[in-house]
């Protein structure tokens, strides 16, 4: 379902968007262009949030993970 909304943008953004709308392979309307850009922005923000959460987990458990890695490396022998 589409919801009609109104957005105020800087003139330079509108001019840049209108220029891009002329290129093949890109959305052909402002609405489609903005929708696609916003979807990408949201996906990127969600990915960054997951990455930050993963990094936090790794940092909190780094000592244990490093000990396990050192232990595992101790079992390796030279060929």
PDB file of N, CA and C in Angstrom:
ATOM      1  N   UNK A   1       0.843  -1.174   0.000  1.00  0.00           N
ATOM      2  CA  UNK A   1       0.000   0.000   0.000  1.00  0.00           C
ATOM      3  C   UNK A   1       0.885   1.233   0.000  1.00  0.00           C
ATOM      4  N   UNK A   2       0.588   2.163  -0.833  1.00  0.00           N
ATOM      5  CA  UNK A   2       1.319   3.423  -0.920  1.00  0.00           C
ATOM      6  C   UNK A   2       0.620   4.460  -0.055  1.00  0.00           C
ATOM      7  N   UNK A   3       1.417   5.301   0.589  1.00  0.00           N
ATOM      8  CA  UNK A   3       0.903   6.391   1.408  1.00  0.00           C
ATOM      9  C   UNK A   3       1.433   7.684   0.828  1.00  0.00           C
ATOM     10  N   UNK A   4       0.560   8.586   0.537  1.00  0.00           N
ATOM     11  CA  UNK A   4       0.967   9.862  -0.026  1.00  0.00           C
ATOM     12  C   UNK A   4       1.537  10.734   1.086  1.00  0.00           C
ATOM     13  N   UNK A   5       2.690  11.357   0.789  1.00  0.00           N
ATOM     14  CA  UNK A   5       3.333  12.224   1.772  1.00  0.00           C
ATOM     15  C   UNK A   5       3.954  13.415   1.055  1.00  0.00           C
ATOM     16  N   UNK A   6       4.315  14.398   1.812  1.00  0.00           N
ATOM     17  CA  UNK A   6       4.957  15.582   1.266  1.00  0.00           C
ATOM     18  C   UNK A   6       6.317  15.738   1.934  1.00  0.00           C
ATOM     19  N   UNK A   7       7.339  16.015   1.121  1.00  0.00           N
ATOM     20  CA  UNK A   7       8.692  16.157   1.630  1.00  0.00           C
ATOM     21  C   UNK A   7       9.298  17.418   1.048  1.00  0.00           C
ATOM     22  N   UNK A   8       9.982  18.177   1.870  1.00  0.00           N
ATOM     23  CA  UNK A   8      10.699  19.369   1.397  1.00  0.00           C
ATOM     24  C   UNK A   8      12.168  19.031   1.258  1.00  0.00           C
ATOM     25  N   UNK A   9      12.735  19.298   0.082  1.00  0.00           N
ATOM     26  CA  UNK A   9      14.128  18.974  -0.201  1.00  0.00           C
ATOM     27  C   UNK A   9      14.870  20.218  -0.662  1.00  0.00           C
ATOM     28  N   UNK A  10      16.170  20.201  -0.468  1.00  0.00           N
ATOM     29  CA  UNK A  10      17.005  21.285  -0.973  1.00  0.00           C
ATOM     30  C   UNK A  10      16.968  21.277  -2.495  1.00  0.00           C
ATOM     31  N   UNK A  11      17.062  22.469  -3.065  1.00  0.00           N
ATOM     32  CA  UNK A  11      16.982  22.600  -4.523  1.00  0.00           C
ATOM     33  C   UNK A  11      18.079  21.796  -5.215  1.00  0.00           C
ATOM     34  N   UNK A  12      19.289  21.786  -4.642  1.00  0.00           N
ATOM     35  CA  UNK A  12      20.380  21.052  -5.281  1.00  0.00           C
ATOM     36  C   UNK A  12      20.109  19.548  -5.306  1.00  0.00           C
ATOM     37  N   UNK A  13      19.428  19.025  -4.266  1.00  0.00           N
ATOM     38  CA  UNK A  13      19.078  17.609  -4.277  1.00  0.00           C
ATOM     39  C   UNK A  13      18.056  17.287  -5.355  1.00  0.00           C
ATOM     40  N   UNK A  14      17.092  18.151  -5.515  1.00  0.00           N
ATOM     41  CA  UNK A  14      16.067  17.933  -6.542  1.00  0.00           C
ATOM     42  C   UNK A  14      16.693  18.004  -7.933  1.00  0.00           C
ATOM     43  N   UNK A  15      17.574  18.971  -8.156  1.00  0.00           N
ATOM     44  CA  UNK A  15      18.241  19.081  -9.463  1.00  0.00           C
ATOM     45  C   UNK A  15      19.093  17.843  -9.739  1.00  0.00           C
ATOM     46  N   UNK A  16      19.827  17.369  -8.726  1.00  0.00           N
ATOM     47  CA  UNK A  16      20.633  16.162  -8.896  1.00  0.00           C
ATOM     48  C   UNK A  16      19.776  14.940  -9.175  1.00  0.00           C
ATOM     49  N   UNK A  17      18.662  14.843  -8.464  1.00  0.00           N
ATOM     50  CA  UNK A  17      17.753  13.717  -8.671  1.00  0.00           C
ATOM     51  C   UNK A  17      17.171  13.772 -10.080  1.00  0.00           C
ATOM     52  N   UNK A  18      16.731  14.934 -10.499  1.00  0.00           N
ATOM     53  CA  UNK A  18      16.147  15.070 -11.840  1.00  0.00           C
ATOM     54  C   UNK A  18      17.161  14.723 -12.922  1.00  0.00           C
ATOM     55  N   UNK A  19      18.425  15.049 -12.695  1.00  0.00           N
ATOM     56  CA  UNK A  19      19.471  14.691 -13.653  1.00  0.00           C
ATOM     57  C   UNK A  19      19.629  13.174 -13.728  1.00  0.00           C
ATOM     58  N   UNK A  20      19.630  12.526 -12.577  1.00  0.00           N
ATOM     59  CA  UNK A  20      19.777  11.073 -12.545  1.00  0.00           C
ATOM     60  C   UNK A  20      18.568  10.352 -13.139  1.00  0.00           C
ATOM     61  N   UNK A  21      17.403  10.935 -13.021  1.00  0.00           N
ATOM     62  CA  UNK A  21      16.192  10.291 -13.535  1.00  0.00           C
ATOM     63  C   UNK A  21      16.230  10.112 -15.047  1.00  0.00           C
ATOM     64  N   UNK A  22      17.104  10.841 -15.721  1.00  0.00           N
ATOM     65  CA  UNK A  22      17.217  10.742 -17.178  1.00  0.00           C
ATOM     66  C   UNK A  22      18.058   9.544 -17.608  1.00  0.00           C
ATOM     67  N   UNK A  23      18.778   8.917 -16.670  1.00  0.00           N
ATOM     68  CA  UNK A  23      19.655   7.791 -16.999  1.00  0.00           C
ATOM     69  C   UNK A  23      18.855   6.488 -17.055  1.00  0.00           C
ATOM     70  N   UNK A  24      19.129   5.672 -18.065  1.00  0.00           N
ATOM     71  CA  UNK A  24      18.440   4.375 -18.145  1.00  0.00           C
ATOM     72  C   UNK A  24      18.862   3.474 -16.993  1.00  0.00           C
ATOM     73  N   UNK A  25      17.959   2.634 -16.545  1.00  0.00           N
ATOM     74  CA  UNK A  25      18.250   1.715 -15.465  1.00  0.00           C
ATOM     75  C   UNK A  25      17.952   2.279 -14.084  1.00  0.00           C
ATOM     76  N   UNK A  26      17.709   3.564 -13.995  1.00  0.00           N
ATOM     77  CA  UNK A  26      17.333   4.181 -12.731  1.00  0.00           C
ATOM     78  C   UNK A  26      15.830   4.428 -12.731  1.00  0.00           C
ATOM     79  N   UNK A  27      15.255   4.605 -11.549  1.00  0.00           N
ATOM     80  CA  UNK A  27      13.812   4.876 -11.504  1.00  0.00           C
ATOM     81  C   UNK A  27      13.453   6.075 -12.384  1.00  0.00           C
ATOM     82  N   UNK A  28      12.245   6.067 -12.917  1.00  0.00           N
ATOM     83  CA  UNK A  28      11.859   7.119 -13.860  1.00  0.00           C
ATOM     84  C   UNK A  28      11.037   8.232 -13.225  1.00  0.00           C
ATOM     85  N   UNK A  29      10.679   8.079 -11.957  1.00  0.00           N
ATOM     86  CA  UNK A  29       9.916   9.135 -11.277  1.00  0.00           C
ATOM     87  C   UNK A  29      10.610   9.500  -9.976  1.00  0.00           C
ATOM     88  N   UNK A  30      10.346  10.693  -9.502  1.00  0.00           N
ATOM     89  CA  UNK A  30      10.909  11.142  -8.234  1.00  0.00           C
ATOM     90  C   UNK A  30      10.478  10.207  -7.097  1.00  0.00           C
ATOM     91  N   UNK A  31       9.207   9.839  -7.097  1.00  0.00           N
ATOM     92  CA  UNK A  31       8.705   8.972  -6.027  1.00  0.00           C
ATOM     93  C   UNK A  31       9.441   7.642  -6.009  1.00  0.00           C
ATOM     94  N   UNK A  32       9.602   7.024  -7.168  1.00  0.00           N
ATOM     95  CA  UNK A  32      10.288   5.738  -7.245  1.00  0.00           C
ATOM     96  C   UNK A  32      11.758   5.887  -6.856  1.00  0.00           C
ATOM     97  N   UNK A  33      12.373   6.985  -7.296  1.00  0.00           N
ATOM     98  CA  UNK A  33      13.769   7.243  -6.959  1.00  0.00           C
ATOM     99  C   UNK A  33      13.942   7.377  -5.451  1.00  0.00           C
ATOM    100  N   UNK A  34      13.104   8.191  -4.824  1.00  0.00           N
ATOM    101  CA  UNK A  34      13.192   8.404  -3.376  1.00  0.00           C
ATOM    102  C   UNK A  34      12.884   7.123  -2.603  1.00  0.00           C
ATOM    103  N   UNK A  35      11.904   6.355  -3.078  1.00  0.00           N
ATOM    104  CA  UNK A  35      11.561   5.103  -2.403  1.00  0.00           C
ATOM    105  C   UNK A  35      12.740   4.131  -2.441  1.00  0.00           C
ATOM    106  N   UNK A  36      13.370   4.008  -3.607  1.00  0.00           N
ATOM    107  CA  UNK A  36      14.515   3.104  -3.736  1.00  0.00           C
ATOM    108  C   UNK A  36      15.684   3.582  -2.879  1.00  0.00           C
ATOM    109  N   UNK A  37      15.946   4.881  -2.883  1.00  0.00           N
ATOM    110  CA  UNK A  37      17.042   5.439  -2.083  1.00  0.00           C
ATOM    111  C   UNK A  37      16.787   5.223  -0.591  1.00  0.00           C
ATOM    112  N   UNK A  38      15.560   5.415  -0.154  1.00  0.00           N
ATOM    113  CA  UNK A  38      15.224   5.230   1.253  1.00  0.00           C
ATOM    114  C   UNK A  38      15.308   3.766   1.660  1.00  0.00           C
ATOM    115  N   UNK A  39      14.865   2.870   0.776  1.00  0.00           N
ATOM    116  CA  UNK A  39      14.991   1.435   1.067  1.00  0.00           C
ATOM    117  C   UNK A  39      16.461   1.056   1.257  1.00  0.00           C
ATOM    118  N   UNK A  40      17.319   1.575   0.397  1.00  0.00           N
ATOM    119  CA  UNK A  40      18.751   1.284   0.489  1.00  0.00           C
ATOM    120  C   UNK A  40      19.332   1.875   1.771  1.00  0.00           C
ATOM    121  N   UNK A  41      18.933   3.084   2.113  1.00  0.00           N
ATOM    122  CA  UNK A  41      19.413   3.736   3.329  1.00  0.00           C
ATOM    123  C   UNK A  41      19.020   2.921   4.566  1.00  0.00           C
ATOM    124  N   UNK A  42      17.776   2.462   4.600  1.00  0.00           N
ATOM    125  CA  UNK A  42      17.295   1.660   5.738  1.00  0.00           C
ATOM    126  C   UNK A  42      18.053   0.338   5.822  1.00  0.00           C
ATOM    127  N   UNK A  43      18.250  -0.320   4.682  1.00  0.00           N
ATOM    128  CA  UNK A  43      18.988  -1.588   4.665  1.00  0.00           C
ATOM    129  C   UNK A  43      20.419  -1.378   5.160  1.00  0.00           C
ATOM    130  N   UNK A  44      21.065  -0.296   4.730  1.00  0.00           N
ATOM    131  CA  UNK A  44      22.426  -0.001   5.178  1.00  0.00           C
ATOM    132  C   UNK A  44      22.463   0.271   6.675  1.00  0.00           C
ATOM    133  N   UNK A  45      21.498   1.028   7.177  1.00  0.00           N
ATOM    134  CA  UNK A  45      21.444   1.339   8.607  1.00  0.00           C
ATOM    135  C   UNK A  45      21.224   0.075   9.432  1.00  0.00           C
ATOM    136  N   UNK A  46      20.359  -0.817   8.957  1.00  0.00           N
ATOM    137  CA  UNK A  46      20.118  -2.084   9.665  1.00  0.00           C
ATOM    138  C   UNK A  46      21.374  -2.949   9.660  1.00  0.00           C
ATOM    139  N   UNK A  47      22.090  -2.975   8.535  1.00  0.00           N
ATOM    140  CA  UNK A  47      23.334  -3.757   8.448  1.00  0.00           C
ATOM    141  C   UNK A  47      24.380  -3.185   9.399  1.00  0.00           C
ATOM    142  N   UNK A  48      24.515  -1.861   9.448  1.00  0.00           N
ATOM    143  CA  UNK A  48      25.473  -1.241  10.370  1.00  0.00           C
ATOM    144  C   UNK A  48      25.121  -1.562  11.824  1.00  0.00           C
ATOM    145  N   UNK A  49      23.841  -1.550  12.147  1.00  0.00           N
ATOM    146  CA  UNK A  49      23.413  -1.867  13.517  1.00  0.00           C
ATOM    147  C   UNK A  49      23.772  -3.315  13.863  1.00  0.00           C
ATOM    148  N   UNK A  50      23.554  -4.248  12.925  1.00  0.00           N
ATOM    149  CA  UNK A  50      23.925  -5.655  13.163  1.00  0.00           C
ATOM    150  C   UNK A  50      25.432  -5.795  13.310  1.00  0.00           C
ATOM    151  N   UNK A  51      26.187  -5.089  12.449  1.00  0.00           N
ATOM    152  CA  UNK A  51      27.650  -5.148  12.532  1.00  0.00           C
ATOM    153  C   UNK A  51      28.139  -4.601  13.871  1.00  0.00           C
ATOM    154  N   UNK A  52      27.553  -3.505  14.326  1.00  0.00           N
ATOM    155  CA  UNK A  52      27.927  -2.923  15.624  1.00  0.00           C
ATOM    156  C   UNK A  52      27.630  -3.890  16.754  1.00  0.00           C
ATOM    157  N   UNK A  53      26.488  -4.557  16.664  1.00  0.00           N
ATOM    158  CA  UNK A  53      26.118  -5.526  17.692  1.00  0.00           C
ATOM    159  C   UNK A  53      27.092  -6.709  17.694  1.00  0.00           C
ATOM    160  N   UNK A  54      27.441  -7.200  16.508  1.00  0.00           N
ATOM    161  CA  UNK A  54      28.403  -8.303  16.410  1.00  0.00           C
ATOM    162  C   UNK A  54      29.764  -7.892  16.962  1.00  0.00           C
ATOM    163  N   UNK A  55      30.207  -6.687  16.635  1.00  0.00           N
ATOM    164  CA  UNK A  55      31.493  -6.198  17.128  1.00  0.00           C
ATOM    165  C   UNK A  55      31.481  -6.086  18.645  1.00  0.00           C
ATOM    166  N   UNK A  56      30.379  -5.632  19.205  1.00  0.00           N
ATOM    167  CA  UNK A  56      30.254  -5.537  20.652  1.00  0.00           C
ATOM    168  C   UNK A  56      30.376  -6.917  21.302  1.00  0.00           C
ATOM    169  N   UNK A  57      29.717  -7.912  20.708  1.00  0.00           N
ATOM    170  CA  UNK A  57      29.795  -9.283  21.228  1.00  0.00           C
ATOM    171  C   UNK A  57      31.236  -9.792  21.155  1.00  0.00           C
ATOM    172  N   UNK A  58      31.894  -9.586  20.016  1.00  0.00           N
ATOM    173  CA  UNK A  58      33.280 -10.035  19.873  1.00  0.00           C
ATOM    174  C   UNK A  58      34.197  -9.343  20.873  1.00  0.00           C
ATOM    175  N   UNK A  59      34.014  -8.052  21.053  1.00  0.00           N
ATOM    176  CA  UNK A  59      34.860  -7.314  21.992  1.00  0.00           C
ATOM    177  C   UNK A  59      34.652  -7.794  23.424  1.00  0.00           C
ATOM    178  N   UNK A  60      33.410  -8.076  23.793  1.00  0.00           N
ATOM    179  CA  UNK A  60      33.136  -8.544  25.147  1.00  0.00           C
ATOM    180  C   UNK A  60      33.708  -9.937  25.393  1.00  0.00           C
ATOM    181  N   UNK A  61      33.836 -10.720  24.339  1.00  0.00           N
ATOM    182  CA  UNK A  61      34.300 -12.109  24.495  1.00  0.00           C
ATOM    183  C   UNK A  61      35.696 -12.324  23.929  1.00  0.00           C
ATOM    184  N   UNK A  62      36.416 -11.259  23.679  1.00  0.00           N
ATOM    185  CA  UNK A  62      37.701 -11.364  22.981  1.00  0.00           C
ATOM    186  C   UNK A  62      38.738 -12.167  23.756  1.00  0.00           C
ATOM    187  N   UNK A  63      38.815 -11.981  25.060  1.00  0.00           N
ATOM    188  CA  UNK A  63      39.824 -12.727  25.834  1.00  0.00           C
ATOM    189  C   UNK A  63      39.607 -14.233  25.704  1.00  0.00           C
ATOM    190  N   UNK A  64      38.354 -14.650  25.874  1.00  0.00           N
ATOM    191  CA  UNK A  64      38.053 -16.086  25.778  1.00  0.00           C
ATOM    192  C   UNK A  64      38.328 -16.598  24.365  1.00  0.00           C
ATOM    193  N   UNK A  65      37.914 -15.836  23.366  1.00  0.00           N
ATOM    194  CA  UNK A  65      38.139 -16.264  21.980  1.00  0.00           C
ATOM    195  C   UNK A  65      39.627 -16.347  21.667  1.00  0.00           C
ATOM    196  N   UNK A  66      40.407 -15.401  22.178  1.00  0.00           N
ATOM    197  CA  UNK A  66      41.851 -15.422  21.939  1.00  0.00           C
ATOM    198  C   UNK A  66      42.502 -16.620  22.630  1.00  0.00           C
ATOM    199  N   UNK A  67      42.056 -16.950  23.830  1.00  0.00           N
ATOM    200  CA  UNK A  67      42.589 -18.136  24.528  1.00  0.00           C
ATOM    201  C   UNK A  67      42.268 -19.403  23.737  1.00  0.00           C
ATOM    202  N   UNK A  68      41.042 -19.503  23.247  1.00  0.00           N
ATOM    203  CA  UNK A  68      40.652 -20.682  22.463  1.00  0.00           C
ATOM    204  C   UNK A  68      41.470 -20.782  21.187  1.00  0.00           C
ATOM    205  N   UNK A  69      41.715 -19.653  20.536  1.00  0.00           N
ATOM    206  CA  UNK A  69      42.506 -19.654  19.303  1.00  0.00           C
ATOM    207  C   UNK A  69      43.939 -20.082  19.598  1.00  0.00           C
ATOM    208  N   UNK A  70      44.516 -19.561  20.677  1.00  0.00           N
ATOM    209  CA  UNK A  70      45.885 -19.934  21.044  1.00  0.00           C
ATOM    210  C   UNK A  70      45.959 -21.432  21.367  1.00  0.00           C
ATOM    211  N   UNK A  71      44.965 -21.927  22.062  1.00  0.00           N
ATOM    212  CA  UNK A  71      44.932 -23.356  22.387  1.00  0.00           C
ATOM    213  C   UNK A  71      44.868 -24.192  21.118  1.00  0.00           C
ATOM    214  N   UNK A  72      44.016 -23.800  20.192  1.00  0.00           N
ATOM    215  CA  UNK A  72      43.877 -24.533  18.924  1.00  0.00           C
ATOM    216  C   UNK A  72      45.176 -24.502  18.137  1.00  0.00           C
ATOM    217  N   UNK A  73      45.837 -23.352  18.103  1.00  0.00           N
ATOM    218  CA  UNK A  73      47.103 -23.240  17.375  1.00  0.00           C
ATOM    219  C   UNK A  73      48.181 -24.128  18.001  1.00  0.00           C
ATOM    220  N   UNK A  74      48.053 -24.372  19.301  1.00  0.00           N
ATOM    221  CA  UNK A  74      49.027 -25.231  19.983  1.00  0.00           C
ATOM    222  C   UNK A  74      48.981 -26.665  19.498  1.00  0.00           C
ATOM    223  N   UNK A  75      47.891 -27.098  18.909  1.00  0.00           N
ATOM    224  CA  UNK A  75      47.769 -28.455  18.402  1.00  0.00           C
ATOM    225  C   UNK A  75      48.360 -28.615  17.011  1.00  0.00           C
ATOM    226  N   UNK A  76      48.675 -27.536  16.354  1.00  0.00           N
ATOM    227  CA  UNK A  76      49.200 -27.619  14.994  1.00  0.00           C
ATOM    228  C   UNK A  76      50.673 -27.985  15.024  1.00  0.00           C
ATOM    229  N   UNK A  77      51.088 -28.716  14.021  1.00  0.00           N
ATOM    230  CA  UNK A  77      52.505 -29.081  13.892  1.00  0.00           C
ATOM    231  C   UNK A  77      53.012 -28.638  12.535  1.00  0.00           C
ATOM    232  N   UNK A  78      54.319 -28.461  12.452  1.00  0.00           N
ATOM    233  CA  UNK A  78      54.923 -28.104  11.179  1.00  0.00           C
ATOM    234  C   UNK A  78      54.919 -29.305  10.256  1.00  0.00           C
ATOM    235  N   UNK A  79      54.723 -29.066   8.980  1.00  0.00           N
ATOM    236  CA  UNK A  79      54.741 -30.161   8.007  1.00  0.00           C
ATOM    237  C   UNK A  79      56.144 -30.450   7.543  1.00  0.00           C
TER     238      UNK A  79
END
